[in-house]
Amino acid sequence: MKKNTALKIVNPIMGVLLINQVLVAFLHDLLPKEVFEFLHEGGGVVFAVAAILHVTLNWNWIKMNFLQKASKKDA
């Protein structure tokens, strides 16, 4: 699978998981403890895995834009 295709899958999943984390956190007092733990902790783990995959897929862009030596940027 190409990187762009993978990112088109991973990025929306990350967006949904981020919204899930925020909504579940706001609804913490209204949700039963088991439901909260499943949604918030489980969603957090899946979000972390998706974030690692996202960074891995974008690693060349990150290196090019953030990890260059100062002398190369100034040139």
C-alpha atoms as a PDB file:
ATOM      1  CA  MET A   1       0.000   0.000   0.000  1.00  0.00           C
ATOM      2  CA  LYS A   2       1.282   3.465  -0.848  1.00  0.00           C
ATOM      3  CA  LYS A   3       1.994   5.968   1.929  1.00  0.00           C
ATOM      4  CA  ASN A   4      -0.662   8.410   0.727  1.00  0.00           C
ATOM      5  CA  THR A   5      -3.295   5.679   0.644  1.00  0.00           C
ATOM      6  CA  ALA A   6      -2.345   4.572   4.154  1.00  0.00           C
ATOM      7  CA  LEU A   7      -2.466   8.173   5.394  1.00  0.00           C
ATOM      8  CA  LYS A   8      -5.927   8.618   3.845  1.00  0.00           C
ATOM      9  CA  ILE A   9      -7.024   5.741   6.068  1.00  0.00           C
ATOM     10  CA  VAL A  10      -5.034   6.564   9.217  1.00  0.00           C
ATOM     11  CA  ASN A  11      -5.778  10.306   9.380  1.00  0.00           C
ATOM     12  CA  PRO A  12      -9.606  10.049   9.508  1.00  0.00           C
ATOM     13  CA  ILE A  13      -9.320   7.232  12.044  1.00  0.00           C
ATOM     14  CA  MET A  14      -7.138   9.480  14.195  1.00  0.00           C
ATOM     15  CA  GLY A  15      -9.688  12.273  13.858  1.00  0.00           C
ATOM     16  CA  VAL A  16     -12.535  10.040  14.996  1.00  0.00           C
ATOM     17  CA  LEU A  17     -10.446   8.714  17.887  1.00  0.00           C
ATOM     18  CA  LEU A  18      -9.537  12.247  18.967  1.00  0.00           C
ATOM     19  CA  ILE A  19     -13.201  13.263  18.983  1.00  0.00           C
ATOM     20  CA  ASN A  20     -13.971  10.067  20.921  1.00  0.00           C
ATOM     21  CA  GLN A  21     -11.373  10.920  23.564  1.00  0.00           C
ATOM     22  CA  VAL A  22     -12.688  14.450  24.035  1.00  0.00           C
ATOM     23  CA  LEU A  23     -16.369  13.474  24.142  1.00  0.00           C
ATOM     24  CA  VAL A  24     -15.819  10.586  26.527  1.00  0.00           C
ATOM     25  CA  ALA A  25     -13.756  12.831  28.805  1.00  0.00           C
ATOM     26  CA  PHE A  26     -16.561  15.411  28.878  1.00  0.00           C
ATOM     27  CA  LEU A  27     -19.158  12.701  29.516  1.00  0.00           C
ATOM     28  CA  HIS A  28     -17.077  11.004  32.216  1.00  0.00           C
ATOM     29  CA  ASP A  29     -19.598  11.632  34.996  1.00  0.00           C
ATOM     30  CA  LEU A  30     -22.555  10.458  32.901  1.00  0.00           C
ATOM     31  CA  LEU A  31     -21.061   7.181  31.684  1.00  0.00           C
ATOM     32  CA  PRO A  32     -20.854   3.985  33.712  1.00  0.00           C
ATOM     33  CA  LYS A  33     -17.293   3.283  34.845  1.00  0.00           C
ATOM     34  CA  GLU A  34     -16.903   0.200  32.636  1.00  0.00           C
ATOM     35  CA  VAL A  35     -18.070   2.055  29.533  1.00  0.00           C
ATOM     36  CA  PHE A  36     -15.782   4.996  30.277  1.00  0.00           C
ATOM     37  CA  GLU A  37     -12.774   2.738  30.796  1.00  0.00           C
ATOM     38  CA  PHE A  38     -13.462   0.787  27.618  1.00  0.00           C
ATOM     39  CA  LEU A  39     -13.981   3.866  25.443  1.00  0.00           C
ATOM     40  CA  HIS A  40     -11.366   6.172  26.939  1.00  0.00           C
ATOM     41  CA  GLU A  41      -8.548   3.759  27.718  1.00  0.00           C
ATOM     42  CA  GLY A  42      -9.158   1.526  24.709  1.00  0.00           C
ATOM     43  CA  GLY A  43      -9.517   4.526  22.426  1.00  0.00           C
ATOM     44  CA  GLY A  44      -6.344   6.002  23.873  1.00  0.00           C
ATOM     45  CA  VAL A  45      -4.349   2.877  23.101  1.00  0.00           C
ATOM     46  CA  VAL A  46      -5.682   2.703  19.544  1.00  0.00           C
ATOM     47  CA  PHE A  47      -5.023   6.453  19.145  1.00  0.00           C
ATOM     48  CA  ALA A  48      -1.413   5.989  20.309  1.00  0.00           C
ATOM     49  CA  VAL A  49      -0.885   3.166  17.805  1.00  0.00           C
ATOM     50  CA  ALA A  50      -2.410   5.289  15.027  1.00  0.00           C
ATOM     51  CA  ALA A  51      -0.200   8.238  16.020  1.00  0.00           C
ATOM     52  CA  ILE A  52       2.927   6.073  15.852  1.00  0.00           C
ATOM     53  CA  LEU A  53       1.832   4.804  12.433  1.00  0.00           C
ATOM     54  CA  HIS A  54       1.126   8.393  11.329  1.00  0.00           C
ATOM     55  CA  VAL A  55       4.599   9.569  12.380  1.00  0.00           C
ATOM     56  CA  THR A  56       6.193   6.529  10.735  1.00  0.00           C
ATOM     57  CA  LEU A  57       4.401   7.220   7.454  1.00  0.00           C
ATOM     58  CA  ASN A  58       5.414  10.897   7.587  1.00  0.00           C
ATOM     59  CA  TRP A  59       8.972  10.348   8.830  1.00  0.00           C
ATOM     60  CA  ASN A  60      10.681  11.622   5.649  1.00  0.00           C
ATOM     61  CA  TRP A  61       8.645  14.844   5.779  1.00  0.00           C
ATOM     62  CA  ILE A  62       9.465  15.281   9.476  1.00  0.00           C
ATOM     63  CA  LYS A  63      13.187  14.781   8.816  1.00  0.00           C
ATOM     64  CA  MET A  64      13.152  17.206   5.910  1.00  0.00           C
ATOM     65  CA  ASN A  65      11.276  19.980   7.750  1.00  0.00           C
ATOM     66  CA  PHE A  66      12.328  19.649  11.384  1.00  0.00           C
ATOM     67  CA  LEU A  67      15.508  17.630  11.683  1.00  0.00           C
ATOM     68  CA  GLN A  68      17.811  19.380   9.219  1.00  0.00           C
ATOM     69  CA  LYS A  69      21.017  20.905  10.474  1.00  0.00           C
ATOM     70  CA  ALA A  70      20.993  24.699  10.772  1.00  0.00           C
ATOM     71  CA  SER A  71      23.679  25.086   8.102  1.00  0.00           C
ATOM     72  CA  LYS A  72      21.512  23.330   5.507  1.00  0.00           C
ATOM     73  CA  LYS A  73      18.475  25.484   6.347  1.00  0.00           C
ATOM     74  CA  ASP A  74      20.421  28.730   6.034  1.00  0.00           C
ATOM     75  CA  ALA A  75      21.925  27.796   2.666  1.00  0.00           C
END
